[in-house]
C-alpha atoms as a PDB file:
ATOM      1  CA  MET A   1      38.062 -91.233  -3.065  1.00  0.00           C
ATOM      2  CA  LEU A   2      39.620 -93.795  -1.926  1.00  0.00           C
ATOM      3  CA  ARG A   3      40.370 -94.643   1.728  1.00  0.00           C
ATOM      4  CA  LYS A   4      42.306 -96.670   4.182  1.00  0.00           C
ATOM      5  CA  ILE A   5      39.986 -98.435   6.267  1.00  0.00           C
ATOM      6  CA  ASN A   6      42.761 -98.713   9.705  1.00  0.00           C
ATOM      7  CA  ALA A   7      41.230 -99.679  12.319  1.00  0.00           C
ATOM      8  CA  ARG A   8      40.795-103.161  10.368  1.00  0.00           C
ATOM      9  CA  PHE A   9      44.309-103.861   9.711  1.00  0.00           C
ATOM     10  CA  ALA A  10      48.007-103.362  10.877  1.00  0.00           C
ATOM     11  CA  GLU A  11      50.289-102.399   8.372  1.00  0.00           C
ATOM     12  CA  THR A  12      53.973-102.842   8.577  1.00  0.00           C
ATOM     13  CA  ALA A  13      56.784-102.565   7.061  1.00  0.00           C
ATOM     14  CA  LEU A  14      59.896-104.917   5.337  1.00  0.00           C
ATOM     15  CA  ASP A  15      62.195-104.830   3.300  1.00  0.00           C
ATOM     16  CA  ASP A  16      60.305-103.114   0.410  1.00  0.00           C
ATOM     17  CA  GLU A  17      57.155-104.016   0.986  1.00  0.00           C
ATOM     18  CA  ILE A  18      55.274-104.124   2.882  1.00  0.00           C
ATOM     19  CA  VAL A  19      52.134-107.051   4.869  1.00  0.00           C
ATOM     20  CA  LEU A  20      49.114-105.977   5.674  1.00  0.00           C
ATOM     21  CA  MET A  21      47.150-108.332   8.561  1.00  0.00           C
ATOM     22  CA  ASN A  22      42.970-108.270   8.627  1.00  0.00           C
ATOM     23  CA  ILE A  23      42.534-107.785  12.769  1.00  0.00           C
ATOM     24  CA  ASP A  24      39.290-109.856  12.185  1.00  0.00           C
ATOM     25  CA  ASP A  25      40.671-112.317  10.561  1.00  0.00           C
ATOM     26  CA  GLY A  26      44.126-112.521  10.894  1.00  0.00           C
ATOM     27  CA  LYS A  27      44.496-113.247   7.088  1.00  0.00           C
ATOM     28  CA  PHE A  28      47.892-111.684   5.777  1.00  0.00           C
ATOM     29  CA  TYR A  29      48.987-110.250   2.550  1.00  0.00           C
ATOM     30  CA  ALA A  30      51.905-108.905   1.386  1.00  0.00           C
ATOM     31  CA  LEU A  31      52.293-105.969  -1.387  1.00  0.00           C
ATOM     32  CA  LYS A  32      55.243-104.802  -3.336  1.00  0.00           C
ATOM     33  CA  GLY A  33      55.914-103.999  -7.301  1.00  0.00           C
ATOM     34  CA  THR A  34      53.006-102.774  -8.036  1.00  0.00           C
ATOM     35  CA  SER A  35      49.984-103.591  -5.147  1.00  0.00           C
ATOM     36  CA  LEU A  36      52.727-101.695  -2.934  1.00  0.00           C
ATOM     37  CA  ALA A  37      52.300 -98.143  -5.209  1.00  0.00           C
ATOM     38  CA  ILE A  38      49.007 -98.272  -5.575  1.00  0.00           C
ATOM     39  CA  TRP A  39      48.582 -98.976  -1.810  1.00  0.00           C
ATOM     40  CA  GLN A  40      50.883 -96.100  -0.968  1.00  0.00           C
ATOM     41  CA  ARG A  41      48.352 -93.813  -2.958  1.00  0.00           C
ATOM     42  CA  ILE A  42      45.615 -94.163  -1.104  1.00  0.00           C
ATOM     43  CA  ASP A  43      45.773 -91.071   0.319  1.00  0.00           C
ATOM     44  CA  GLY A  44      41.792 -89.743   0.654  1.00  0.00           C
ATOM     45  CA  THR A  45      42.572 -87.059  -2.122  1.00  0.00           C
ATOM     46  CA  ARG A  46      42.682 -90.008  -5.315  1.00  0.00           C
ATOM     47  CA  GLY A  47      39.773 -91.970  -6.473  1.00  0.00           C
ATOM     48  CA  THR A  48      40.411 -95.073  -9.310  1.00  0.00           C
ATOM     49  CA  ALA A  49      40.723 -93.317 -12.155  1.00  0.00           C
ATOM     50  CA  GLU A  50      43.533 -91.011 -10.453  1.00  0.00           C
ATOM     51  CA  ILE A  51      45.553 -93.737  -9.160  1.00  0.00           C
ATOM     52  CA  ALA A  52      46.032 -95.496 -13.082  1.00  0.00           C
ATOM     53  CA  ASN A  53      47.024 -92.191 -14.398  1.00  0.00           C
ATOM     54  CA  GLU A  54      49.383 -91.424 -11.914  1.00  0.00           C
ATOM     55  CA  LEU A  55      51.188 -94.813 -12.554  1.00  0.00           C
ATOM     56  CA  THR A  56      50.869 -95.039 -16.365  1.00  0.00           C
ATOM     57  CA  ALA A  57      52.507 -91.701 -16.229  1.00  0.00           C
ATOM     58  CA  GLU A  58      54.716 -93.319 -14.529  1.00  0.00           C
ATOM     59  CA  TYR A  59      55.657 -96.858 -15.516  1.00  0.00           C
ATOM     60  CA  ASP A  60      55.488 -98.649 -19.469  1.00  0.00           C
ATOM     61  CA  VAL A  61      51.908 -99.285 -19.355  1.00  0.00           C
ATOM     62  CA  ASP A  62      49.177 -99.889 -22.032  1.00  0.00           C
ATOM     63  CA  PRO A  63      46.352 -97.151 -19.853  1.00  0.00           C
ATOM     64  CA  ASP A  64      43.446 -99.251 -20.278  1.00  0.00           C
ATOM     65  CA  THR A  65      45.292-102.971 -19.088  1.00  0.00           C
ATOM     66  CA  CYS A  66      46.761-100.694 -16.170  1.00  0.00           C
ATOM     67  CA  ALA A  67      43.195 -99.391 -14.795  1.00  0.00           C
ATOM     68  CA  ALA A  68      41.513-103.096 -15.662  1.00  0.00           C
ATOM     69  CA  GLU A  69      44.537-103.890 -12.746  1.00  0.00           C
ATOM     70  CA  VAL A  70      43.962-100.931 -10.652  1.00  0.00           C
ATOM     71  CA  ALA A  71      40.354-101.746  -9.838  1.00  0.00           C
ATOM     72  CA  ARG A  72      41.125-105.179  -9.723  1.00  0.00           C
ATOM     73  CA  PHE A  73      43.654-104.960  -6.907  1.00  0.00           C
ATOM     74  CA  LEU A  74      41.475-102.010  -5.539  1.00  0.00           C
ATOM     75  CA  GLU A  75      38.594-104.018  -4.822  1.00  0.00           C
ATOM     76  CA  ALA A  76      40.434-106.843  -4.073  1.00  0.00           C
ATOM     77  CA  MET A  77      40.950-104.529  -0.726  1.00  0.00           C
ATOM     78  CA  THR A  78      37.604-103.538  -0.469  1.00  0.00           C
ATOM     79  CA  GLY A  79      36.694-106.885  -0.132  1.00  0.00           C
ATOM     80  CA  ALA A  80      39.181-107.895   2.498  1.00  0.00           C
ATOM     81  CA  GLY A  81      37.258-104.744   4.039  1.00  0.00           C
ATOM     82  CA  PHE A  82      41.057-102.386   4.142  1.00  0.00           C
ATOM     83  CA  VAL A  83      39.886 -99.642   1.564  1.00  0.00           C
ATOM     84  CA  GLU A  84      36.524 -98.531   0.991  1.00  0.00           C
ATOM     85  CA  GLN A  85      34.865 -95.406  -1.898  1.00  0.00           C
ATOM     86  CA  GLY A  86      33.478 -92.175  -0.098  1.00  0.00           C
END
């Protein structure tokens, strides 16, 4: 299951996006569209496959393309220290 590491970032909702700030290095990340949809599904109960399956069902997207994009986003968020597999 994927979970957010809340001690590593500050999160603020602005209009139709969420802005994350890495507390350690001050870098900002703006999430909207698909990245926001993925972020909102990271709740400690879903894994990568579950998130990709939900997005595939919700949007008109090829399952393999969706799975690859979800994995790429989660890899970036893991690398930034915001998400961990657990």
